[in-house]
N, C-alpha and C. Protein backbone atom coordinates (compact mmCIF):
# COMPACT_ATOMS: atom_id res chain seq x y z
N UNK A 1 0.84 -1.03 0.02
CA UNK A 1 -0.09 0.18 0.03
C UNK A 1 0.89 1.29 -0.13
N UNK A 2 0.81 2.38 -0.78
CA UNK A 2 1.02 3.41 -0.86
C UNK A 2 -0.16 4.58 -0.56
N UNK A 3 0.71 5.73 0.15
CA UNK A 3 -0.15 6.42 0.22
C UNK A 3 0.75 7.93 -0.06
N UNK A 4 0.29 9.00 -0.64
CA UNK A 4 0.87 9.83 -1.44
C UNK A 4 -0.84 11.23 -1.95
N UNK A 5 -0.18 11.60 -1.07
CA UNK A 5 -1.18 13.24 -1.00
C UNK A 5 -2.47 12.96 -0.53
N UNK A 6 -2.97 12.29 0.75
CA UNK A 6 -3.93 12.30 0.90
C UNK A 6 -4.52 10.69 0.29
N UNK A 7 -4.19 9.94 -0.50
CA UNK A 7 -4.93 9.03 -1.08
C UNK A 7 -4.12 7.73 -1.26
N UNK A 8 -5.13 6.53 -0.57
CA UNK A 8 -4.55 5.19 -0.47
C UNK A 8 -4.95 4.21 -1.55
N UNK A 9 -3.77 3.95 -2.23
CA UNK A 9 -3.57 2.73 -3.07
C UNK A 9 -3.68 1.13 -2.70
N UNK A 10 -4.31 0.75 -2.75
CA UNK A 10 -5.06 -0.40 -2.08
C UNK A 10 -4.35 -1.24 -2.71
N UNK A 11 -4.61 -2.73 -2.06
CA UNK A 11 -4.43 -3.90 -2.14
C UNK A 11 -5.15 -5.30 -2.38
N UNK A 12 -4.72 -6.00 -3.36
CA UNK A 12 -5.56 -7.24 -3.28
C UNK A 12 -5.16 -8.30 -2.75
N UNK A 13 -5.73 -9.81 -2.38
CA UNK A 13 -5.14 -10.85 -1.77
C UNK A 13 -4.34 -11.62 -3.00
N UNK A 14 -4.08 -10.96 -4.01
CA UNK A 14 -3.11 -11.93 -5.10
C UNK A 14 -1.84 -10.94 -4.90
N UNK A 15 -1.63 -9.80 -4.23
CA UNK A 15 -0.44 -9.14 -4.04
C UNK A 15 -0.05 -9.74 -2.89
N UNK A 16 -0.42 -10.35 -2.51
CA UNK A 16 0.34 -10.64 -0.42
C UNK A 16 0.20 -12.57 -0.18
N UNK A 17 1.63 -12.52 0.07
CA UNK A 17 2.02 -13.66 0.24
C UNK A 17 1.15 -13.91 1.64
N UNK A 18 0.78 -15.35 1.47
CA UNK A 18 -0.10 -15.99 2.40
C UNK A 18 0.84 -16.55 3.26
N UNK A 19 0.72 -16.47 4.74
CA UNK A 19 1.89 -16.87 5.72
C UNK A 19 1.01 -17.98 6.50
N UNK A 20 -0.31 -18.54 6.26
CA UNK A 20 -0.52 -19.75 6.84
C UNK A 20 -1.50 -20.43 6.16
N UNK A 21 -1.80 -21.54 6.41
CA UNK A 21 -2.83 -22.61 5.47
C UNK A 21 -4.12 -22.41 6.63
N UNK A 22 -4.13 -21.53 6.86
CA UNK A 22 -5.26 -20.85 7.78
C UNK A 22 -6.39 -20.81 6.28
N UNK A 23 -7.94 -21.05 6.71
CA UNK A 23 -8.83 -20.04 5.56
C UNK A 23 -8.39 -18.82 5.34
N UNK A 24 -8.50 -18.67 4.40
CA UNK A 24 -8.64 -16.69 4.41
C UNK A 24 -6.83 -16.02 4.29
N UNK A 25 -6.68 -15.11 3.70
CA UNK A 25 -5.16 -14.85 3.36
C UNK A 25 -4.72 -14.65 5.03
N UNK A 26 -3.66 -15.05 5.31
CA UNK A 26 -3.31 -14.26 6.69
C UNK A 26 -1.53 -13.50 6.12
N UNK A 27 -1.58 -12.32 5.40
CA UNK A 27 -0.63 -12.16 5.03
C UNK A 27 0.79 -11.27 5.48
N UNK A 28 1.50 -11.81 4.68
CA UNK A 28 3.02 -11.87 5.43
C UNK A 28 3.38 -10.24 5.17
N UNK A 29 3.42 -9.23 6.30
CA UNK A 29 3.73 -7.95 6.17
C UNK A 29 4.35 -7.85 7.38
N UNK A 30 4.88 -6.75 6.87
CA UNK A 30 5.49 -6.02 8.82
C UNK A 30 4.91 -4.18 8.34
N UNK A 31 5.32 -3.98 9.54
CA UNK A 31 4.94 -2.50 9.49
C UNK A 31 5.80 -1.98 10.65
N UNK A 32 5.97 -0.65 10.31
CA UNK A 32 6.70 0.26 11.55
C UNK A 32 5.95 1.30 11.29
N UNK A 33 6.37 1.68 12.55
CA UNK A 33 5.92 3.35 12.87
C UNK A 33 7.51 3.90 13.14
N UNK A 34 7.27 5.46 12.86
CA UNK A 34 8.82 6.55 13.11
C UNK A 34 7.93 7.64 14.21
N UNK A 35 8.45 7.65 15.41
CA UNK A 35 8.34 8.94 16.03
C UNK A 35 9.64 9.39 16.26
N UNK A 36 9.49 11.04 16.55
CA UNK A 36 10.67 11.31 16.63
C UNK A 36 11.93 10.94 16.21
N UNK A 37 12.10 10.35 14.56
CA UNK A 37 13.30 10.30 14.63
C UNK A 37 13.55 8.46 15.08
N UNK A 38 12.78 7.60 15.45
CA UNK A 38 12.82 6.05 15.84
C UNK A 38 12.05 5.67 15.40
N UNK A 39 12.17 4.30 14.76
CA UNK A 39 11.26 3.85 13.71
C UNK A 39 11.34 2.07 15.07
N UNK A 40 10.07 1.79 14.67
CA UNK A 40 9.75 0.84 15.71
C UNK A 40 8.52 -0.56 15.27
N UNK A 41 8.63 -1.66 15.22
CA UNK A 41 7.94 -2.69 14.77
C UNK A 41 6.53 -2.56 15.13
N UNK A 42 5.50 -3.03 14.22
CA UNK A 42 4.67 -2.87 15.18
C UNK A 42 3.43 -4.36 14.42
N UNK A 43 3.53 -5.16 15.80
CA UNK A 43 3.01 -6.65 15.05
C UNK A 43 1.47 -6.56 14.82
N UNK A 44 0.82 -7.90 13.98
CA UNK A 44 0.24 -7.56 13.57
C UNK A 44 -1.17 -8.38 14.62
N UNK A 45 -2.09 -7.25 14.62
CA UNK A 45 -3.30 -7.75 15.41
C UNK A 45 -3.26 -8.37 17.15
N UNK A 46 -2.30 -7.47 17.40
CA UNK A 46 -1.80 -7.80 19.24
C UNK A 46 -3.08 -7.19 20.11
N UNK A 47 -3.36 -8.02 21.09
CA UNK A 47 -4.15 -7.64 22.60
C UNK A 47 -3.81 -6.29 22.93
N UNK A 48 -2.53 -5.84 22.98
CA UNK A 48 -1.99 -4.75 24.21
C UNK A 48 -1.10 -3.73 22.97
N UNK A 49 -1.04 -2.97 22.88
CA UNK A 49 -0.04 -1.47 22.65
C UNK A 49 -0.35 -1.63 21.05
N UNK A 50 0.26 -1.28 20.32
CA UNK A 50 -0.42 -0.59 18.61
C UNK A 50 -0.04 -1.98 18.05
N UNK A 51 -0.95 -2.10 16.93
CA UNK A 51 -0.85 -3.05 16.01
C UNK A 51 -1.54 -2.56 14.49
N UNK A 52 -1.62 -4.02 13.54
CA UNK A 52 -1.97 -3.55 12.28
C UNK A 52 -2.96 -4.41 11.94
N UNK A 53 -3.86 -4.35 10.67
CA UNK A 53 -4.44 -5.63 10.62
C UNK A 53 -4.45 -4.79 9.10
N UNK A 54 -4.96 -5.90 8.22
CA UNK A 54 -5.10 -5.09 6.91
C UNK A 54 -6.79 -5.93 6.50
N UNK A 55 -7.78 -4.64 6.49
CA UNK A 55 -8.99 -4.73 6.68
C UNK A 55 -9.49 -3.99 4.72
N UNK A 56 -10.81 -4.75 5.09
CA UNK A 56 -11.37 -4.24 3.58
C UNK A 56 -11.82 -2.98 3.70
N UNK A 57 -12.07 -1.76 2.67
CA UNK A 57 -12.55 -0.47 3.17
C UNK A 57 -12.73 0.14 1.91
N UNK A 58 -14.22 -0.35 1.33
CA UNK A 58 -14.55 -0.08 -0.08
C UNK A 58 -14.51 1.25 -0.65
N UNK A 59 -14.85 2.24 0.58
CA UNK A 59 -14.74 4.08 0.07
C UNK A 59 -13.17 4.26 0.31
N UNK A 60 -12.00 3.60 0.48
CA UNK A 60 -10.92 4.48 0.55
C UNK A 60 -9.86 3.55 -0.80
N UNK A 61 -10.71 2.34 -0.55
CA UNK A 61 -10.06 1.29 -1.95
C UNK A 61 -10.63 1.13 -3.29
N UNK A 62 -11.11 2.16 -3.45
CA UNK A 62 -11.96 1.89 -4.71
C UNK A 62 -11.35 1.42 -6.01
N UNK A 63 -9.94 1.14 -6.39
CA UNK A 63 -9.19 1.00 -7.26
C UNK A 63 -9.05 -0.95 -7.35
N UNK A 64 -9.10 -1.13 -6.19
CA UNK A 64 -9.11 -2.63 -6.33
C UNK A 64 -9.97 -3.61 -6.28
N UNK A 65 -9.75 -4.77 -6.33
CA UNK A 65 -11.33 -5.56 -6.28
C UNK A 65 -11.93 -6.29 -4.52
N UNK A 66 -10.49 -6.50 -4.03
CA UNK A 66 -10.77 -6.74 -2.82
C UNK A 66 -10.67 -5.55 -1.86
N UNK A 67 -10.66 -4.49 -1.78
CA UNK A 67 -10.74 -3.07 -1.18
C UNK A 67 -10.22 -3.54 0.07
N UNK A 68 -8.74 -4.01 -0.10
CA UNK A 68 -7.82 -3.89 0.76
C UNK A 68 -6.78 -2.50 1.16
N UNK A 69 -6.71 -3.19 2.89
CA UNK A 69 -5.61 -1.11 3.06
C UNK A 69 -5.36 -2.20 4.39
N UNK A 70 -4.06 -0.96 4.95
CA UNK A 70 -3.63 -1.60 6.03
C UNK A 70 -3.82 -0.49 7.26
N UNK A 71 -4.62 -0.88 8.21
CA UNK A 71 -4.65 0.13 9.56
C UNK A 71 -3.93 -0.25 10.51
N UNK A 72 -3.31 1.14 11.24
CA UNK A 72 -2.16 1.07 12.34
C UNK A 72 -3.20 1.37 13.42
N UNK A 73 -3.84 0.63 14.50
CA UNK A 73 -4.13 1.09 15.49
C UNK A 73 -3.03 1.20 16.74
N UNK A 74 -3.45 2.24 17.26
CA UNK A 74 -1.98 2.48 18.05
C UNK A 74 -3.22 3.30 19.71
N UNK A 75 -2.82 3.17 21.02
CA UNK A 75 -3.68 3.48 22.05
C UNK A 75 -2.66 4.18 22.24
N UNK A 76 -1.40 4.70 21.64
CA UNK A 76 -1.08 5.66 22.28
C UNK A 76 -1.70 7.28 21.56
N UNK A 77 -1.24 8.42 22.42
CA UNK A 77 -1.83 9.48 22.23
C UNK A 77 -0.71 10.49 21.08
N UNK A 78 0.71 9.81 21.26
CA UNK A 78 1.60 10.28 20.71
C UNK A 78 1.04 10.46 19.02
N UNK A 79 1.37 11.17 18.12
CA UNK A 79 1.04 11.16 16.99
C UNK A 79 2.25 10.33 16.56
N UNK A 80 1.47 10.21 15.00
CA UNK A 80 2.97 9.06 14.38
C UNK A 80 3.69 9.50 13.54
N UNK A 81 4.35 9.80 13.10
CA UNK A 81 5.38 10.91 11.98
C UNK A 81 5.12 9.98 10.54
N UNK A 82 5.53 8.66 10.36
CA UNK A 82 5.38 7.88 9.49
C UNK A 82 5.07 6.39 9.89
N UNK A 83 4.39 5.94 8.64
CA UNK A 83 4.06 4.49 8.48
C UNK A 83 4.63 3.74 7.76
N UNK A 84 5.37 2.75 7.81
CA UNK A 84 6.11 2.21 6.83
C UNK A 84 5.18 0.11 6.59
N UNK A 85 4.77 0.09 5.55
CA UNK A 85 4.26 -1.14 5.42
C UNK A 85 4.93 -1.60 4.29
N UNK A 86 5.62 -2.95 4.70
CA UNK A 86 6.06 -4.04 3.14
C UNK A 86 5.10 -5.44 3.86
N UNK A 87 5.07 -5.59 2.26
CA UNK A 87 4.19 -7.29 2.27
C UNK A 87 4.53 -8.02 0.82
N UNK A 88 5.08 -9.19 1.66
CA UNK A 88 5.81 -10.11 0.65
C UNK A 88 4.77 -10.59 -0.94
N UNK A 89 5.40 -10.52 -1.77
CA UNK A 89 4.35 -10.93 -2.52
C UNK A 89 5.09 -12.65 -3.00
N UNK A 90 3.34 -12.95 -3.67
CA UNK A 90 3.43 -14.37 -3.98
C UNK A 90 4.87 -14.87 -5.10
């Protein structure tokens, strides 16, 4: 996913390597956030602290059939300067 000038480019499941044999696609992705010049990893779907998910969003991601985007959930009140997402491709 790339974000440019406030617009988000969506993903499709065909662009993501599946990291599990479970039903559906469990994408092999890494996400980091940068605050005050320090880059930190963000886990996939954590019960505590920051995490990320790959979610369907037909409004924001109209250019793909799956309408997927990466969403970072962060309970911190500190602003995130940069979010970097990297996905393995099949």
